Protein backbone atom coordinates (compact mmCIF):
# COMPACT_ATOMS: atom_id res chain seq x y z
CA MET A 1 10.59 -5.51 17.79
CA CYS A 2 11.15 -1.81 17.20
CA ASP A 3 12.39 -1.13 20.70
CA GLN A 4 15.50 -3.26 20.18
CA ASP A 5 18.21 -2.57 17.65
CA TYR A 6 19.06 -6.13 16.68
CA PHE A 7 18.85 -5.61 12.91
CA GLU A 8 22.61 -5.89 12.48
CA GLU A 9 22.79 -9.16 14.40
CA ASP A 10 19.91 -10.53 12.36
CA ARG A 11 21.46 -9.28 9.13
CA LYS A 12 24.63 -11.27 9.73
CA GLU A 13 22.74 -14.43 10.62
CA TYR A 14 20.34 -14.26 7.69
CA GLU A 15 23.02 -13.26 5.22
CA ALA A 16 24.98 -16.35 6.27
CA ARG A 17 21.88 -18.44 5.65
CA GLY A 18 21.34 -16.89 2.23
CA LEU A 19 18.03 -15.34 3.25
CA ILE A 20 18.87 -11.69 2.54
CA THR A 21 18.59 -10.52 -1.03
CA ARG A 22 19.59 -6.85 -0.96
CA ARG A 23 22.93 -6.89 0.81
CA GLN A 24 24.18 -3.36 0.10
CA PHE A 25 20.87 -1.53 0.21
CA GLY A 26 22.30 1.31 2.34
CA VAL A 27 24.88 2.16 -0.30
CA LEU A 28 22.24 2.06 -3.02
CA VAL A 29 19.83 4.30 -1.13
CA ALA A 30 22.56 6.78 -0.28
CA ALA A 31 23.51 6.90 -3.94
CA GLY A 32 19.95 7.73 -4.91
CA VAL A 33 19.27 4.45 -6.69
CA SER A 34 15.52 3.79 -6.82
CA LEU A 35 14.16 0.72 -5.08
CA VAL A 36 12.60 -1.66 -7.57
CA LEU A 37 10.04 -4.28 -6.65
CA PRO A 38 8.82 -7.08 -8.92
CA GLU A 39 6.34 -5.94 -11.55
CA VAL A 40 2.61 -6.28 -10.98
CA ALA A 41 0.65 -8.36 -13.47
CA ASN A 42 -1.92 -6.27 -15.35
CA ALA A 43 -0.72 -3.17 -13.51
CA GLN A 44 -3.00 -0.15 -13.65
CA GLN A 45 -1.75 3.34 -14.40
CA THR A 46 -1.52 5.42 -11.25
CA SER A 47 -1.50 9.04 -10.17
CA GLU A 48 0.02 10.38 -6.97
CA LYS A 49 0.28 13.44 -4.77
CA ASP A 50 1.51 14.57 -1.38
CA VAL A 51 -1.33 15.68 0.88
CA GLN A 52 -1.93 17.35 4.23
CA ILE A 53 -4.62 15.97 6.55
CA LYS A 54 -6.07 17.69 9.59
CA THR A 55 -6.21 15.61 12.77
CA PRO A 56 -7.17 16.45 16.36
CA ASP A 57 -3.44 16.92 17.09
CA GLY A 58 -2.37 18.97 14.07
CA THR A 59 -1.69 18.37 10.39
CA ALA A 60 -0.31 15.10 9.11
CA ASP A 61 1.59 14.83 5.85
CA ALA A 62 0.92 11.77 3.72
CA TYR A 63 1.36 10.23 0.28
CA PHE A 64 -1.77 9.44 -1.72
CA VAL A 65 -1.52 7.19 -4.79
CA TYR A 66 -4.42 5.71 -6.76
CA PRO A 67 -5.51 4.28 -10.12
CA SER A 68 -5.62 7.09 -12.68
CA SER A 69 -9.22 6.38 -13.67
CA GLY A 70 -12.33 5.49 -11.71
CA SER A 71 -12.58 4.83 -7.99
CA ALA A 72 -11.17 1.95 -5.94
CA PRO A 73 -11.25 0.50 -2.43
CA ALA A 74 -9.06 2.47 -0.05
CA VAL A 75 -6.09 1.19 1.92
CA LEU A 76 -4.40 2.97 4.83
CA ILE A 77 -0.72 2.08 5.31
CA TRP A 78 1.07 2.58 8.62
CA PRO A 79 4.87 2.56 8.04
CA ASP A 80 7.46 0.90 10.24
CA ILE A 81 9.78 2.67 12.69
CA PHE A 82 11.66 4.30 9.80
CA GLY A 83 8.59 6.22 8.70
CA LEU A 84 7.27 7.55 5.41
CA ARG A 85 10.16 7.31 2.97
CA PRO A 86 10.89 6.21 -0.64
CA ALA A 87 10.58 2.51 0.16
CA MET A 88 7.09 2.98 1.63
CA ARG A 89 6.07 5.16 -1.28
CA THR A 90 7.23 2.44 -3.66
CA MET A 91 5.18 -0.14 -1.79
CA GLY A 92 2.14 2.13 -1.78
CA LYS A 93 2.42 2.77 -5.49
CA ARG A 94 2.73 -0.92 -6.20
CA LEU A 95 -0.47 -1.56 -4.26
CA ALA A 96 -2.24 1.23 -6.13
CA SER A 97 -1.24 -0.36 -9.44
CA SER A 98 -3.06 -3.47 -8.21
CA GLY A 99 -6.30 -1.51 -7.99
CA TYR A 100 -6.42 0.33 -4.66
CA SER A 101 -6.45 3.97 -3.56
CA VAL A 102 -3.63 4.05 -1.04
CA LEU A 103 -2.76 6.52 1.70
CA VAL A 104 0.70 6.16 3.30
CA VAL A 105 0.98 8.39 6.34
CA ASN A 106 3.74 10.03 8.34
CA SER A 107 2.90 8.60 11.75
CA PHE A 108 5.46 10.95 13.34
CA TYR A 109 3.84 14.22 12.23
CA ARG A 110 3.43 15.45 15.82
CA VAL A 111 7.20 15.70 16.17
CA GLY A 112 8.34 16.23 12.61
CA LYS A 113 9.14 14.68 9.29
CA PRO A 114 12.18 12.44 9.73
CA THR A 115 14.59 11.70 6.93
CA ALA A 116 15.37 8.04 7.35
CA THR A 117 15.90 4.78 5.52
CA GLY A 118 15.94 1.17 6.60
CA ALA A 119 19.61 1.75 7.44
CA THR A 120 18.93 4.37 10.11
CA PRO A 121 19.76 3.17 13.65
CA ILE A 122 16.51 2.49 15.49
CA GLN A 123 17.65 4.51 18.51
CA GLU A 124 17.61 7.64 16.34
CA MET A 125 13.96 7.07 15.47
CA MET A 126 12.57 6.52 18.96
CA PRO A 127 12.23 10.25 19.86
CA PHE A 128 9.83 10.68 16.95
CA ARG A 129 7.33 8.45 18.76
CA LYS A 130 6.75 11.14 21.39
CA GLY A 131 3.05 11.78 21.94
CA MET A 132 1.91 8.56 20.26
CA SER A 133 -0.39 6.09 22.02
CA GLN A 134 -3.20 3.67 21.33
CA MET A 135 -5.62 6.58 21.68
CA THR A 136 -3.78 8.70 19.11
CA ASP A 137 -3.67 5.70 16.77
CA MET A 138 -7.44 5.66 16.89
CA THR A 139 -8.02 9.39 16.55
CA ASP A 140 -5.55 9.52 13.66
CA ALA A 141 -7.22 6.55 12.00
CA LYS A 142 -10.60 8.24 12.16
CA ALA A 143 -9.18 11.41 10.62
CA PHE A 144 -7.34 9.55 7.85
CA ILE A 145 -10.34 7.42 6.94
CA ALA A 146 -12.65 10.44 6.98
CA TRP A 147 -10.25 12.15 4.58
CA LEU A 148 -10.13 9.08 2.32
CA ASP A 149 -13.92 8.93 2.20
CA GLN A 150 -14.00 12.47 0.83
CA GLN A 151 -11.78 11.60 -2.14
CA PRO A 152 -13.41 10.85 -5.52
CA GLN A 153 -10.76 8.16 -6.14
CA VAL A 154 -12.17 6.12 -3.23
CA ASN A 155 -15.10 3.74 -3.68
CA ARG A 156 -17.07 4.37 -0.51
CA ASN A 157 -19.29 1.37 -1.17
CA ARG A 158 -16.36 -0.95 -0.50
CA LYS A 159 -14.72 -1.67 2.85
CA ILE A 160 -11.33 -0.16 3.66
CA GLY A 161 -8.14 -2.14 4.20
CA THR A 162 -5.30 -1.20 6.52
CA GLN A 163 -1.82 -2.63 6.85
CA GLY A 164 1.12 -1.93 9.13
CA TYR A 165 4.78 -2.85 9.40
CA CYS A 166 6.73 -3.17 12.66
CA MET A 167 5.15 -0.57 14.98
CA GLY A 168 2.49 -0.12 12.31
CA GLY A 169 1.11 -3.59 13.04
CA PRO A 170 -0.72 -2.65 16.25
CA MET A 171 -1.65 0.68 14.65
CA ALA A 172 -3.47 -1.26 11.93
CA PHE A 173 -5.22 -3.32 14.61
CA ASN A 174 -6.20 -0.10 16.41
CA THR A 175 -7.56 1.29 13.14
CA ALA A 176 -10.03 -1.58 12.92
CA SER A 177 -11.05 -0.97 16.52
CA ALA A 178 -11.57 2.74 15.86
CA MET A 179 -13.61 2.22 12.68
CA PRO A 180 -15.18 -1.26 12.97
CA ASP A 181 -17.97 -0.52 10.49
CA ARG A 182 -15.59 0.80 7.84
CA VAL A 183 -12.53 -1.45 8.01
CA GLY A 184 -12.89 -4.86 6.40
CA ALA A 185 -9.31 -6.12 6.27
CA VAL A 186 -6.24 -5.75 8.49
CA ALA A 187 -2.68 -6.90 7.81
CA SER A 188 0.32 -6.86 10.13
CA PHE A 189 3.85 -7.61 8.92
CA HIS A 190 6.51 -8.21 11.60
CA GLY A 191 4.30 -6.23 13.95
CA GLY A 192 5.36 -5.60 17.53
CA ASN A 193 3.13 -5.43 20.61
CA LEU A 194 0.08 -6.93 18.94
CA VAL A 195 -0.44 -8.82 22.19
CA THR A 196 0.35 -6.90 25.35
CA LYS A 197 0.67 -8.18 28.91
CA GLU A 198 -1.79 -10.76 30.18
CA GLY A 199 -4.93 -9.24 31.63
CA ASP A 200 -4.75 -6.07 29.51
CA ALA A 201 -8.26 -5.66 28.13
CA ASN A 202 -7.01 -2.96 25.77
CA SER A 203 -4.46 -5.20 24.05
CA PRO A 204 -4.69 -4.41 20.31
CA HIS A 205 -5.51 -8.01 19.44
CA LEU A 206 -8.42 -8.20 21.88
CA LEU A 207 -10.00 -4.95 20.72
CA ALA A 208 -9.53 -5.81 17.06
CA ALA A 209 -11.05 -9.25 17.55
CA LYS A 210 -14.36 -7.56 18.43
CA THR A 211 -14.66 -6.28 14.87
CA LYS A 212 -15.85 -8.15 11.78
CA ALA A 213 -12.62 -7.59 9.86
CA GLN A 214 -10.50 -10.30 8.28
CA PHE A 215 -6.85 -10.46 9.40
CA LEU A 216 -3.46 -11.41 8.00
CA VAL A 217 -0.68 -11.65 10.59
CA ALA A 218 2.78 -12.34 9.16
CA ILE A 219 5.27 -12.93 11.97
CA ALA A 220 9.05 -12.80 11.64
CA GLU A 221 10.94 -15.91 12.70
CA THR A 222 13.11 -13.78 14.98
CA ASP A 223 10.06 -12.29 16.70
CA ASP A 224 8.55 -15.74 17.13
CA LYS A 225 11.71 -16.88 18.92
CA GLN A 226 11.33 -14.01 21.39
CA ARG A 227 7.56 -14.45 21.84
CA PRO A 228 6.85 -18.10 20.98
CA THR A 229 3.31 -18.15 22.37
CA GLU A 230 2.04 -15.05 20.58
CA LYS A 231 1.07 -16.83 17.37
CA ASP A 232 -1.01 -19.30 19.35
CA VAL A 233 -2.75 -16.51 21.24
CA LEU A 234 -3.57 -14.77 17.96
CA LYS A 235 -4.86 -17.95 16.34
CA GLN A 236 -7.04 -18.74 19.32
CA THR A 237 -8.36 -15.19 19.57
CA PHE A 238 -9.18 -14.62 15.89
CA GLY A 239 -10.06 -18.15 14.85
CA SER A 240 -11.09 -18.47 11.22
CA ASN A 241 -11.05 -14.69 10.74
CA ALA A 242 -7.25 -14.63 10.58
CA GLU A 243 -4.34 -16.14 8.72
CA VAL A 244 -1.42 -16.28 11.16
CA GLU A 245 1.93 -17.51 9.90
CA VAL A 246 5.58 -17.39 10.92
CA TYR A 247 7.88 -16.52 8.01
CA PRO A 248 11.50 -17.74 7.72
CA ALA A 249 12.76 -14.17 7.82
CA ALA A 250 14.02 -11.56 10.25
CA HIS A 251 12.06 -8.68 11.76
CA GLY A 252 11.75 -6.02 9.07
CA TRP A 253 11.93 -8.35 6.05
CA CYS A 254 9.19 -6.71 3.95
CA PRO A 255 10.29 -3.13 3.06
CA PRO A 256 12.92 -3.24 0.29
CA ASP A 257 15.34 -0.85 2.01
CA THR A 258 15.98 -2.72 5.26
CA THR A 259 19.11 -4.65 6.10
CA VAL A 260 17.12 -7.87 6.37
CA TYR A 261 14.94 -7.54 3.26
CA ASN A 262 14.03 -11.00 1.99
CA GLU A 263 12.48 -10.87 -1.45
CA ALA A 264 11.07 -14.40 -1.48
CA ALA A 265 9.39 -14.03 1.90
CA ALA A 266 8.27 -10.47 1.10
CA GLU A 267 6.67 -11.61 -2.14
CA LYS A 268 4.82 -14.39 -0.38
CA ALA A 269 3.52 -11.92 2.20
CA TRP A 270 2.53 -9.53 -0.59
CA ALA A 271 0.59 -12.27 -2.39
CA ARG A 272 -1.26 -13.13 0.81
CA LEU A 273 -2.06 -9.44 1.30
CA LEU A 274 -3.62 -9.19 -2.16
CA ALA A 275 -5.60 -12.36 -1.51
CA LEU A 276 -6.93 -10.83 1.73
CA TYR A 277 -7.99 -7.62 0.02
CA GLN A 278 -9.57 -9.41 -2.91
CA LYS A 279 -11.67 -11.38 -0.47
CA ALA A 280 -12.47 -8.84 2.24
CA LEU A 281 -12.77 -5.64 0.20
CA ALA A 282 -14.89 -7.13 -2.60
């Protein structure tokens, strides 16, 4: 989870097992080398811009990328603990080339605009979470979705998708809870705190389960070892509305700039994400 800096320990273990595919990512990022993901079949041309969005707590900066012609279903992306950075922009652009109008937000806008990569020590990122809560997740989600629905590149007749990584997992769940009539699909990748303490009626998974959304929950093997019952709780709670799977990868495996990036597992998760959106946002 994001509150524990065990990336380095995981990196060593997974590198020894041959499950890490970008071993010197930190050097590459520092050198300004762009992060390349596998090409998208039948990729659409995209356009992009940085935007500013008013929220009840201020102005959030975000990256908006979309097919260059027509309108498309919208997707709201909540980044991991390392925030809005080149890797997340690359992932957003890749999704846009698959036919979606994508907004990647700076979740930390209340405090600032951090400059980070997947190599940044997690302890350095924690202060940026000041002022964030389940309530702010929901108020932000409402503001971001309202902004998306004003854009001509968004097909407002189609449901919206939302996805989150690491701390963004519960934020994606909270988005569905905040906008149950608008959100049709929710994806969490190595999300932390999806299930809070027993008896907490406001646990993200319980609130999200009240919606009609479809869910994809991709759990890191390392997280499953720490919380072995969570997958069962999620399966029982969501039933047939969710695909819940443990991946043979470490926490943080999806973004291409982390120490534990695993291309094979990330590509599988990406394929399942597209399948979810094709089904739920149709």
